[in-house]
Amino acid sequence: MRKSILLFPLFALACTPDYDLNKYEPVDDGGPQIEVDPTELYFGTGEAGEEIAQAFTITSIGDVTASVTEVRIDGAEFAVTSFSAGRLEVGESMDVVVTYTATGAEDFGEASVVSDDADSPHIVTLNGGGLVPDLEISPSEHNFGYIALGESATQDFALRNTGGATLEVSSLSLSESVFTYSLSDDLPLVIEPGDERTVTVTFLPDNSSVYSDQLVVSSNDPDGDETATLNGSGAGDLPIAVCEATPNPVEAIHEDATWVGSASYDPSGLAITNYAWTLVTKPSGSSARMPAGTANRSGFVPDLVGTYEAELVVTNELGDRSEPCTATLEAIPSGDLWIEIYWVHGGDDMDLHLVRPTGSSPSGELMSNNDCYYGNCSASSWSSLDWGVRGDADDDPVLDIDDIPGTGPENINIDDPEDGVFTAYVHDYPGSAYNGNNDVTMNIYVGGILAWTETRNVNSEGLYEPFAEIDWPDGTVTTL
């Protein structure tokens, strides 16, 4: 918005020479024609001697080339500072800059554009030093955001007169029916210099859609109408997130599951554009992560026995977010005997060992074929152990995970253990040192049920720490 102070239009008319207005009606004779815009220049007020520049544009609007030969100035305080006589091709334009030297009083003049247009000369009224109203709308733009259907939101706009003469607001208008305005006073609003009035705009959406409009304010501001941009979105019922985990339950480590959200929908028929899955709960010590994907996240492998919970939030094309949907997945142990460990601090390799029933001292069986550990019964590489009945794999142990740099887990399982007493150890492997206490948790599941759990500090490199004995087939667990 131009910030200079302008003249009342009535005052300008009173000081304009009495020209025959009929003379300026366009004559469409097929010859050269020009148009000047604007036809009035307001230079505002300024201190005496200050130079203020304004410009108008000459455009060739006829059927043939127009020749502009001269711009004559009537008024000692005004001068043309940028103009070049010449020919304008059809549609071509040129700018003319006029400078006003302020005198501290009201000054008037004219710029006469001389051309080969039959209506020549074209007159531009020059007005300097006068006091005119100047309308400003604040804020000039407002976004109401997402408003639920049946609800409304309001915003106040200030109509300020920053000019030097009385402002009269004659009308306000809006195009979209979802936007309405209200005033505390009747129109026309009379606003003195430096004063303001408030107009309140209400947004009441009637559909799930995006709306845009302009508040148009008409007044006696010589600059013409002022506008404020309005935006808002109608939000119907929120989208609905539908989620589940399948299959459910699954065997920890041995089976994978899919988090399914493809049944989510929007009651208004809008498209679902985003599926945000978050793994919010998992067993203590688990390193499982939510797989990448969109609506459905496949390939999720639970690494510890226990409950996993995932949350799904969907977003529609208007940006409306659903309430969260929570899906639960149960991970169960595999086999009759399942032992798992995890620890607190990474960089301290802890190894799980399970010694078979042999009748000898458990410590004498470590690092032998009577001891299942990373070196001889890893499922990821090979297993050389044949416990119990020779050739029967059901009574052989398997180490599913050997974690070195992290915090576990590691686990050993046997589908159908041989009879006798098994001993579970934790070895603080010396090749990966951590200086400080490191709590290790061991869980022992018998017949799919958690039979024993304990957390113990292991902080001596190379130490074999016995945790528990498992007496089979009664499944009694004894702390060591």
Protein backbone atom coordinates (compact mmCIF):
# COMPACT_ATOMS: atom_id res chain seq x y z
CA MET A 1 0.00 0.00 0.00
CA ARG A 2 1.24 3.49 -0.83
CA LYS A 3 1.74 5.42 2.39
CA SER A 4 1.55 8.99 1.04
CA ILE A 5 -1.36 11.22 2.09
CA LEU A 6 -3.90 11.89 -0.65
CA LEU A 7 -6.60 14.46 -1.54
CA PHE A 8 -10.36 14.13 -1.29
CA PRO A 9 -11.75 13.33 -4.74
CA LEU A 10 -14.35 16.13 -4.34
CA PHE A 11 -11.63 18.67 -3.67
CA ALA A 12 -9.67 17.46 -6.68
CA LEU A 13 -12.71 17.89 -8.91
CA ALA A 14 -13.22 21.41 -7.63
CA CYS A 15 -9.73 22.37 -8.74
CA THR A 16 -9.73 20.59 -12.09
CA PRO A 17 -10.38 22.72 -15.24
CA ASP A 18 -13.86 22.39 -16.73
CA TYR A 19 -13.05 20.08 -19.62
CA ASP A 20 -15.70 18.68 -21.90
CA LEU A 21 -15.81 15.10 -20.67
CA ASN A 22 -17.38 13.93 -23.93
CA LYS A 23 -14.14 14.85 -25.62
CA TYR A 24 -12.40 11.87 -23.96
CA GLU A 25 -14.76 9.12 -24.99
CA PRO A 26 -12.69 6.71 -27.11
CA VAL A 27 -13.14 6.92 -30.82
CA ASP A 28 -12.67 3.53 -32.42
CA ASP A 29 -11.76 4.59 -35.94
CA GLY A 30 -9.19 1.90 -36.53
CA GLY A 31 -6.36 4.41 -36.14
CA PRO A 32 -3.73 4.82 -33.43
CA GLN A 33 -5.03 4.90 -29.88
CA ILE A 34 -3.33 5.25 -26.54
CA GLU A 35 -4.38 4.81 -22.92
CA VAL A 36 -2.85 6.45 -19.83
CA ASP A 37 -3.02 4.82 -16.40
CA PRO A 38 -3.61 6.12 -13.84
CA THR A 39 -5.29 9.35 -14.83
CA GLU A 40 -4.54 10.96 -11.46
CA LEU A 41 -1.25 11.09 -9.56
CA TYR A 42 -1.27 11.79 -5.81
CA PHE A 43 2.11 12.84 -4.46
CA GLY A 44 1.09 13.20 -0.83
CA THR A 45 2.61 15.69 1.57
CA GLY A 46 6.25 16.47 2.07
CA GLU A 47 8.53 19.02 3.63
CA ALA A 48 9.22 22.15 1.58
CA GLY A 49 11.80 21.40 -1.09
CA GLU A 50 11.39 17.61 -0.87
CA GLU A 51 11.07 15.85 -4.23
CA ILE A 52 8.48 13.09 -4.58
CA ALA A 53 8.26 10.97 -7.74
CA GLN A 54 5.23 9.19 -9.21
CA ALA A 55 4.70 7.54 -12.60
CA PHE A 56 1.97 6.82 -15.11
CA THR A 57 1.98 4.45 -18.08
CA ILE A 58 1.17 5.10 -21.74
CA THR A 59 -0.02 2.04 -23.70
CA SER A 60 -0.80 1.67 -27.41
CA ILE A 61 -4.25 0.04 -27.55
CA GLY A 62 -5.28 0.71 -31.17
CA ASP A 63 -4.91 -1.32 -34.30
CA VAL A 64 -1.79 0.45 -35.57
CA THR A 65 1.40 1.95 -34.19
CA ALA A 66 0.91 5.12 -32.12
CA SER A 67 3.32 8.07 -31.93
CA VAL A 68 3.73 9.89 -28.62
CA THR A 69 5.40 13.22 -29.25
CA GLU A 70 5.25 15.20 -26.03
CA VAL A 71 4.22 15.34 -22.38
CA ARG A 72 3.41 18.93 -21.37
CA ILE A 73 3.26 19.94 -17.70
CA ASP A 74 0.97 22.61 -16.31
CA GLY A 75 2.08 23.47 -12.78
CA ALA A 76 5.36 24.99 -11.67
CA GLU A 77 5.90 22.48 -8.87
CA PHE A 78 5.75 19.49 -11.26
CA ALA A 79 8.28 18.31 -13.85
CA VAL A 80 8.70 15.36 -16.22
CA THR A 81 11.93 13.60 -15.29
CA SER A 82 11.68 10.49 -17.47
CA PHE A 83 10.09 10.45 -20.93
CA SER A 84 11.23 9.64 -24.46
CA ALA A 85 9.09 10.61 -27.42
CA GLY A 86 8.66 7.86 -29.93
CA ARG A 87 6.47 5.22 -31.52
CA LEU A 88 4.60 2.52 -29.60
CA GLU A 89 3.76 -0.71 -31.35
CA VAL A 90 0.33 -2.21 -30.65
CA GLY A 91 0.31 -3.39 -27.01
CA GLU A 92 3.61 -1.69 -26.21
CA SER A 93 3.91 0.63 -23.17
CA MET A 94 6.18 3.31 -21.78
CA ASP A 95 6.43 4.83 -18.29
CA VAL A 96 6.50 8.56 -17.63
CA VAL A 97 7.98 9.77 -14.33
CA VAL A 98 6.75 13.04 -12.89
CA THR A 99 8.44 14.72 -9.92
CA TYR A 100 6.73 17.01 -7.45
CA THR A 101 8.75 19.51 -5.43
CA ALA A 102 6.83 20.05 -2.21
CA THR A 103 6.04 23.60 -1.14
CA GLY A 104 4.29 22.84 2.14
CA ALA A 105 0.94 23.81 0.65
CA GLU A 106 -1.57 22.19 -1.67
CA ASP A 107 -0.49 22.15 -5.32
CA PHE A 108 -2.26 21.04 -8.48
CA GLY A 109 -1.26 20.53 -12.09
CA GLU A 110 -1.75 18.50 -15.23
CA ALA A 111 0.31 16.34 -17.52
CA SER A 112 -0.91 16.46 -21.14
CA VAL A 113 0.12 13.50 -23.29
CA VAL A 114 0.30 14.53 -26.94
CA SER A 115 0.07 11.80 -29.57
CA ASP A 116 -1.46 11.00 -32.95
CA ASP A 117 -4.48 9.49 -31.16
CA ALA A 118 -7.59 11.32 -32.36
CA ASP A 119 -8.45 11.96 -28.67
CA SER A 120 -5.10 13.65 -27.95
CA PRO A 121 -4.18 15.11 -25.58
CA HIS A 122 -4.80 12.68 -22.69
CA ILE A 123 -4.81 14.40 -19.32
CA VAL A 124 -3.28 13.17 -16.06
CA THR A 125 -4.29 15.20 -13.01
CA LEU A 126 -1.42 15.99 -10.64
CA ASN A 127 -2.11 16.50 -6.94
CA GLY A 128 0.54 17.32 -4.35
CA GLY A 129 0.50 18.48 -0.75
CA GLY A 130 -3.15 17.62 -0.15
CA LEU A 131 -4.55 15.71 2.78
CA VAL A 132 -6.31 12.49 1.79
CA PRO A 133 -7.49 9.37 3.64
CA ASP A 134 -5.40 6.21 3.50
CA LEU A 135 -6.99 2.86 4.41
CA GLU A 136 -4.91 0.04 5.88
CA ILE A 137 -6.26 -3.43 6.85
CA SER A 138 -4.48 -5.41 9.56
CA PRO A 139 -3.80 -8.27 9.35
CA SER A 140 -3.70 -8.41 5.58
CA GLU A 141 -4.00 -12.20 5.59
CA HIS A 142 -5.37 -14.82 7.98
CA ASN A 143 -5.59 -18.61 7.87
CA PHE A 144 -8.33 -20.05 10.08
CA GLY A 145 -6.77 -23.51 9.81
CA TYR A 146 -8.82 -26.69 10.09
CA ILE A 147 -12.27 -26.14 11.57
CA ALA A 148 -14.59 -29.06 12.29
CA LEU A 149 -17.91 -29.05 10.47
CA GLY A 150 -20.58 -27.46 12.64
CA GLU A 151 -18.01 -25.31 14.43
CA SER A 152 -16.80 -21.78 13.61
CA ALA A 153 -13.82 -19.52 14.14
CA THR A 154 -13.53 -15.71 14.17
CA GLN A 155 -10.81 -13.18 13.43
CA ASP A 156 -10.80 -9.41 14.03
CA PHE A 157 -9.43 -7.09 11.34
CA ALA A 158 -8.51 -3.47 12.05
CA LEU A 159 -9.51 -0.83 9.47
CA ARG A 160 -7.03 2.00 10.08
CA ASN A 161 -6.91 5.49 8.61
CA THR A 162 -3.22 6.28 8.23
CA GLY A 163 -3.92 9.33 6.05
CA GLY A 164 -4.54 12.98 6.84
CA ALA A 165 -8.24 13.32 6.03
CA THR A 166 -11.47 11.63 7.10
CA LEU A 167 -11.91 8.11 5.74
CA GLU A 168 -15.38 6.87 4.79
CA VAL A 169 -15.77 3.12 4.37
CA SER A 170 -18.76 2.61 2.12
CA SER A 171 -18.95 -1.18 1.75
CA LEU A 172 -17.41 -4.54 2.61
CA SER A 173 -17.86 -7.71 0.59
CA LEU A 174 -17.02 -11.43 0.65
CA SER A 175 -17.53 -14.02 -2.10
CA GLU A 176 -17.70 -17.32 -0.22
CA SER A 177 -20.80 -17.95 1.89
CA VAL A 178 -18.72 -19.72 4.55
CA PHE A 179 -17.15 -16.35 5.42
CA THR A 180 -19.29 -13.59 6.95
CA TYR A 181 -18.44 -10.26 8.58
CA SER A 182 -19.95 -8.13 11.32
CA LEU A 183 -19.48 -4.50 12.37
CA SER A 184 -20.27 -2.70 15.60
CA ASP A 185 -21.38 0.40 13.63
CA ASP A 186 -23.51 0.87 10.55
CA LEU A 187 -22.07 1.73 7.15
CA PRO A 188 -20.67 4.08 6.11
CA LEU A 189 -17.92 3.93 8.71
CA VAL A 190 -16.38 7.32 9.38
CA ILE A 191 -12.78 6.97 10.54
CA GLU A 192 -10.76 10.04 11.45
CA PRO A 193 -6.96 10.21 10.82
CA GLY A 194 -5.11 7.94 13.23
CA ASP A 195 -8.28 6.10 14.28
CA GLU A 196 -9.49 2.61 13.44
CA ARG A 197 -12.58 0.40 13.45
CA THR A 198 -12.90 -3.37 13.85
CA VAL A 199 -14.56 -5.81 11.49
CA THR A 200 -15.02 -9.41 12.67
CA VAL A 201 -14.92 -12.21 10.09
CA THR A 202 -16.47 -15.59 10.93
CA PHE A 203 -15.51 -18.83 9.19
CA LEU A 204 -18.22 -21.53 9.29
CA PRO A 205 -17.28 -24.35 6.86
CA ASP A 206 -20.10 -26.40 5.41
CA ASN A 207 -18.03 -29.10 3.74
CA SER A 208 -14.72 -30.92 4.03
CA SER A 209 -12.88 -28.65 1.63
CA VAL A 210 -10.28 -25.91 1.34
CA TYR A 211 -11.65 -22.35 1.16
CA SER A 212 -10.11 -19.05 0.09
CA ASP A 213 -11.67 -15.60 -0.13
CA GLN A 214 -10.94 -11.89 0.08
CA LEU A 215 -12.47 -9.30 2.34
CA VAL A 216 -12.88 -6.30 -0.01
CA VAL A 217 -13.21 -2.89 1.65
CA SER A 218 -14.33 0.08 -0.47
CA SER A 219 -13.80 3.64 0.71
CA ASN A 220 -12.85 7.15 -0.39
CA ASP A 221 -9.15 6.22 -0.27
CA PRO A 222 -7.78 7.46 -3.61
CA ASP A 223 -5.82 4.22 -3.91
CA GLY A 224 -9.07 2.31 -4.32
CA ASP A 225 -10.25 -0.87 -2.63
CA GLU A 226 -8.15 -2.63 -0.02
CA THR A 227 -8.32 -6.39 0.58
CA ALA A 228 -7.46 -8.99 3.21
CA THR A 229 -6.92 -12.62 2.17
CA LEU A 230 -8.82 -15.35 4.03
CA ASN A 231 -8.02 -19.07 4.05
CA GLY A 232 -9.48 -22.00 5.92
CA SER A 233 -10.34 -25.68 5.69
CA GLY A 234 -13.45 -27.53 6.70
CA ALA A 235 -12.68 -30.73 8.58
CA GLY A 236 -15.41 -33.35 8.71
CA ASP A 237 -15.16 -36.44 10.83
CA LEU A 238 -11.53 -37.29 11.46
CA PRO A 239 -10.01 -40.15 9.50
CA ILE A 240 -10.16 -43.54 11.20
CA ALA A 241 -7.01 -45.58 11.81
CA VAL A 242 -7.61 -49.35 11.72
CA CYS A 243 -4.70 -51.54 12.75
CA GLU A 244 -3.71 -55.07 13.69
CA ALA A 245 -0.71 -57.38 13.86
CA THR A 246 -0.81 -60.65 11.92
CA PRO A 247 -0.13 -63.46 12.46
CA ASN A 248 -0.55 -63.20 16.19
CA PRO A 249 1.04 -64.67 18.26
CA VAL A 250 4.39 -65.48 16.68
CA GLU A 251 7.43 -67.31 17.96
CA ALA A 252 10.12 -64.84 19.00
CA ILE A 253 13.05 -64.72 16.55
CA HIS A 254 11.75 -67.70 14.53
CA GLU A 255 8.70 -65.99 12.99
CA ASP A 256 7.87 -62.53 11.69
CA ALA A 257 4.67 -60.49 11.74
CA THR A 258 3.10 -57.67 9.72
CA TRP A 259 1.62 -54.50 11.21
CA VAL A 260 -1.45 -53.91 9.00
CA GLY A 261 -3.09 -50.47 8.57
CA SER A 262 -4.51 -50.71 5.06
CA ALA A 263 -8.10 -50.86 6.33
CA SER A 264 -7.87 -47.26 7.62
CA TYR A 265 -10.31 -44.85 5.99
CA ASP A 266 -11.80 -41.35 5.99
CA PRO A 267 -15.58 -41.09 6.62
CA SER A 268 -15.81 -38.15 4.19
CA GLY A 269 -14.22 -40.14 1.40
CA LEU A 270 -10.95 -38.19 1.44
CA ALA A 271 -7.73 -39.97 0.55
CA ILE A 272 -5.43 -41.21 3.29
CA THR A 273 -2.03 -39.73 2.45
CA ASN A 274 0.15 -40.81 5.35
CA TYR A 275 0.45 -43.83 7.66
CA ALA A 276 2.60 -43.11 10.72
CA TRP A 277 3.51 -46.32 12.58
CA THR A 278 5.35 -46.13 15.91
CA LEU A 279 6.57 -49.02 18.06
CA VAL A 280 5.53 -47.69 21.46
CA THR A 281 6.04 -50.71 23.75
CA LYS A 282 8.37 -53.70 23.64
CA PRO A 283 9.91 -56.04 26.21
CA SER A 284 12.76 -54.61 28.23
CA GLY A 285 16.04 -55.34 26.43
CA SER A 286 14.48 -55.73 23.00
CA SER A 287 16.26 -54.15 20.03
CA ALA A 288 13.35 -54.66 17.61
CA ARG A 289 12.43 -51.75 15.33
CA MET A 290 9.40 -50.86 13.22
CA PRO A 291 10.07 -51.85 9.59
CA ALA A 292 9.88 -49.24 6.85
CA GLY A 293 6.80 -49.01 4.66
CA THR A 294 3.44 -47.27 4.33
CA ALA A 295 0.09 -48.71 5.36
CA ASN A 296 1.46 -52.20 6.11
CA ARG A 297 4.82 -52.88 7.74
CA SER A 298 5.94 -56.45 7.06
CA GLY A 299 8.96 -58.39 8.26
CA PHE A 300 8.75 -57.44 11.94
CA VAL A 301 10.79 -59.95 13.97
CA PRO A 302 10.34 -59.85 17.76
CA ASP A 303 13.68 -60.65 19.36
CA LEU A 304 12.46 -61.29 22.91
CA VAL A 305 9.45 -63.07 24.33
CA GLY A 306 6.76 -60.65 25.46
CA THR A 307 4.26 -58.04 24.33
CA TYR A 308 4.88 -55.53 21.53
CA GLU A 309 2.53 -52.58 20.97
CA ALA A 310 2.50 -50.38 17.88
CA GLU A 311 0.52 -47.19 17.30
CA LEU A 312 -0.88 -46.04 13.95
CA VAL A 313 -1.96 -42.47 13.11
CA VAL A 314 -3.27 -41.75 9.60
CA THR A 315 -3.57 -38.38 7.88
CA ASN A 316 -6.00 -37.43 5.10
CA GLU A 317 -5.39 -35.13 2.14
CA LEU A 318 -6.51 -32.08 4.13
CA GLY A 319 -3.96 -32.77 6.84
CA ASP A 320 -6.48 -34.08 9.40
CA ARG A 321 -4.93 -36.65 11.75
CA SER A 322 -6.78 -39.61 13.20
CA GLU A 323 -6.88 -40.69 16.79
CA PRO A 324 -4.17 -43.31 17.37
CA CYS A 325 -4.97 -46.98 16.87
CA THR A 326 -3.01 -49.46 18.98
CA ALA A 327 -2.21 -53.00 17.84
CA THR A 328 -0.70 -55.64 20.14
CA LEU A 329 1.56 -58.51 19.15
CA GLU A 330 2.45 -61.40 21.45
CA ALA A 331 5.83 -63.08 20.97
CA ILE A 332 6.02 -66.54 22.52
CA PRO A 333 8.99 -68.81 23.21
CA SER A 334 9.82 -71.69 20.91
CA GLY A 335 10.31 -75.19 22.37
CA ASP A 336 9.99 -76.46 25.90
CA LEU A 337 13.10 -74.67 27.19
CA TRP A 338 13.89 -71.07 26.20
CA ILE A 339 16.64 -68.99 27.80
CA GLU A 340 17.35 -65.37 26.85
CA ILE A 341 19.65 -62.62 28.14
CA TYR A 342 20.14 -58.89 27.57
CA TRP A 343 22.29 -56.25 29.26
CA VAL A 344 22.45 -52.49 29.82
CA HIS A 345 25.65 -51.15 28.28
CA GLY A 346 26.84 -51.83 24.74
CA GLY A 347 30.47 -52.42 23.85
CA ASP A 348 30.66 -55.19 26.47
CA ASP A 349 30.07 -58.53 24.75
CA MET A 350 28.10 -60.87 26.98
CA ASP A 351 27.73 -64.51 25.85
CA LEU A 352 25.04 -66.98 26.89
CA HIS A 353 26.17 -70.55 27.66
CA LEU A 354 24.03 -73.60 28.43
CA VAL A 355 25.72 -76.72 29.82
CA ARG A 356 23.98 -80.08 29.37
CA PRO A 357 23.34 -82.65 32.12
CA THR A 358 26.48 -84.87 32.24
CA GLY A 359 26.85 -85.70 35.91
CA SER A 360 30.15 -83.80 36.15
CA SER A 361 30.90 -80.33 37.46
CA PRO A 362 29.31 -77.67 35.20
CA SER A 363 32.49 -75.62 35.19
CA GLY A 364 34.38 -78.53 33.68
CA GLU A 365 32.02 -78.63 30.71
CA LEU A 366 32.44 -75.01 29.56
CA MET A 367 33.73 -74.46 26.03
CA SER A 368 33.19 -78.15 25.16
CA ASN A 369 30.60 -80.09 23.18
CA ASN A 370 28.63 -80.33 26.40
CA ASP A 371 28.37 -76.50 26.38
CA CYS A 372 26.12 -74.69 23.87
CA TYR A 373 27.56 -71.25 23.02
CA TYR A 374 28.38 -69.04 20.01
CA GLY A 375 31.22 -71.33 18.89
CA ASN A 376 29.32 -74.55 18.32
CA CYS A 377 25.51 -74.22 18.20
CA SER A 378 24.77 -70.98 16.40
CA ALA A 379 21.72 -71.16 14.14
CA SER A 380 23.18 -68.44 11.89
CA SER A 381 26.23 -70.54 10.97
CA TRP A 382 26.27 -74.19 12.02
CA SER A 383 25.70 -76.46 15.01
CA SER A 384 27.86 -79.48 15.85
CA LEU A 385 25.99 -80.52 18.95
CA ASP A 386 24.00 -83.72 19.18
CA TRP A 387 22.60 -83.94 22.68
CA GLY A 388 20.24 -86.58 24.12
CA VAL A 389 19.18 -89.21 21.60
CA ARG A 390 21.78 -89.43 18.85
CA GLY A 391 20.45 -88.10 15.54
CA ASP A 392 17.32 -86.57 17.12
CA ALA A 393 17.37 -82.80 16.52
CA ASP A 394 14.48 -82.09 18.90
CA ASP A 395 16.71 -82.47 21.97
CA ASP A 396 19.61 -80.44 20.52
CA PRO A 397 20.18 -76.82 21.65
CA VAL A 398 20.25 -73.87 19.23
CA LEU A 399 21.70 -70.39 19.80
CA ASP A 400 19.51 -68.13 17.64
CA ILE A 401 21.23 -64.76 18.24
CA ASP A 402 24.83 -63.92 19.14
CA ASP A 403 25.05 -60.17 19.76
CA ILE A 404 28.54 -58.68 20.06
CA PRO A 405 28.49 -54.84 19.91
CA GLY A 406 25.03 -54.11 21.35
CA THR A 407 23.05 -54.97 24.44
CA GLY A 408 21.57 -58.27 23.28
CA PRO A 409 19.45 -60.16 23.25
CA GLU A 410 20.94 -63.65 22.99
CA ASN A 411 18.93 -66.82 23.37
CA ILE A 412 19.22 -70.62 23.46
CA ASN A 413 16.23 -72.93 22.99
CA ILE A 414 15.58 -76.68 22.99
CA ASP A 415 12.36 -78.17 21.67
CA ASP A 416 12.42 -81.34 23.81
CA PRO A 417 15.30 -81.34 26.35
CA GLU A 418 16.95 -84.48 27.59
CA ASP A 419 16.47 -85.38 31.23
CA GLY A 420 18.84 -83.97 33.82
CA VAL A 421 20.10 -80.68 35.22
CA PHE A 422 21.13 -77.90 32.81
CA THR A 423 23.26 -74.93 33.92
CA ALA A 424 22.95 -71.44 32.40
CA TYR A 425 25.98 -69.15 32.44
CA VAL A 426 26.86 -65.62 31.28
CA HIS A 427 30.41 -65.15 30.01
CA ASP A 428 31.85 -61.60 30.07
CA TYR A 429 33.84 -62.05 26.87
CA PRO A 430 37.27 -60.40 27.27
CA GLY A 431 37.58 -59.26 23.67
CA SER A 432 35.08 -56.41 24.19
CA ALA A 433 35.76 -54.50 27.39
CA TYR A 434 33.45 -52.10 29.20
CA ASN A 435 34.74 -50.39 32.32
CA GLY A 436 31.99 -50.32 34.86
CA ASN A 437 29.02 -52.24 36.18
CA ASN A 438 26.83 -53.91 33.58
CA ASP A 439 23.52 -55.40 34.63
CA VAL A 440 22.62 -58.60 32.78
CA THR A 441 19.06 -59.97 32.85
CA MET A 442 18.30 -63.64 32.23
CA ASN A 443 14.78 -64.99 31.54
CA ILE A 444 14.06 -68.74 31.56
CA TYR A 445 10.83 -70.04 30.03
CA VAL A 446 9.68 -73.59 30.74
CA GLY A 447 6.86 -74.97 28.61
CA GLY A 448 6.15 -71.46 27.27
CA ILE A 449 5.81 -69.91 30.75
CA LEU A 450 8.28 -67.53 32.39
CA ALA A 451 9.63 -69.70 35.23
CA TRP A 452 12.54 -67.59 36.42
CA THR A 453 14.12 -64.16 35.88
CA GLU A 454 17.01 -62.34 37.54
CA THR A 455 19.20 -59.29 36.87
CA ARG A 456 22.80 -59.50 38.04
CA ASN A 457 25.86 -57.26 37.74
CA VAL A 458 28.63 -58.81 35.62
CA ASN A 459 31.77 -56.68 35.43
CA SER A 460 34.82 -58.96 35.38
CA GLU A 461 36.30 -59.55 31.93
CA GLY A 462 36.61 -63.27 31.20
CA LEU A 463 34.32 -64.27 34.09
CA TYR A 464 31.89 -67.19 33.67
CA GLU A 465 28.98 -66.24 35.91
CA PRO A 466 26.58 -69.14 36.74
CA PHE A 467 23.01 -67.85 36.93
CA ALA A 468 20.69 -70.84 37.33
CA GLU A 469 20.13 -74.59 37.07
CA ILE A 470 17.14 -76.11 35.28
CA ASP A 471 16.05 -79.58 36.40
CA TRP A 472 14.31 -81.45 33.58
CA PRO A 473 11.63 -82.76 33.12
CA ASP A 474 10.06 -81.17 36.26
CA GLY A 475 11.22 -77.71 35.05
CA THR A 476 12.43 -76.56 38.46
CA VAL A 477 14.79 -73.56 38.25
CA THR A 478 17.33 -72.96 41.03
CA THR A 479 19.32 -69.75 41.43
CA LEU A 480 23.11 -70.21 41.60
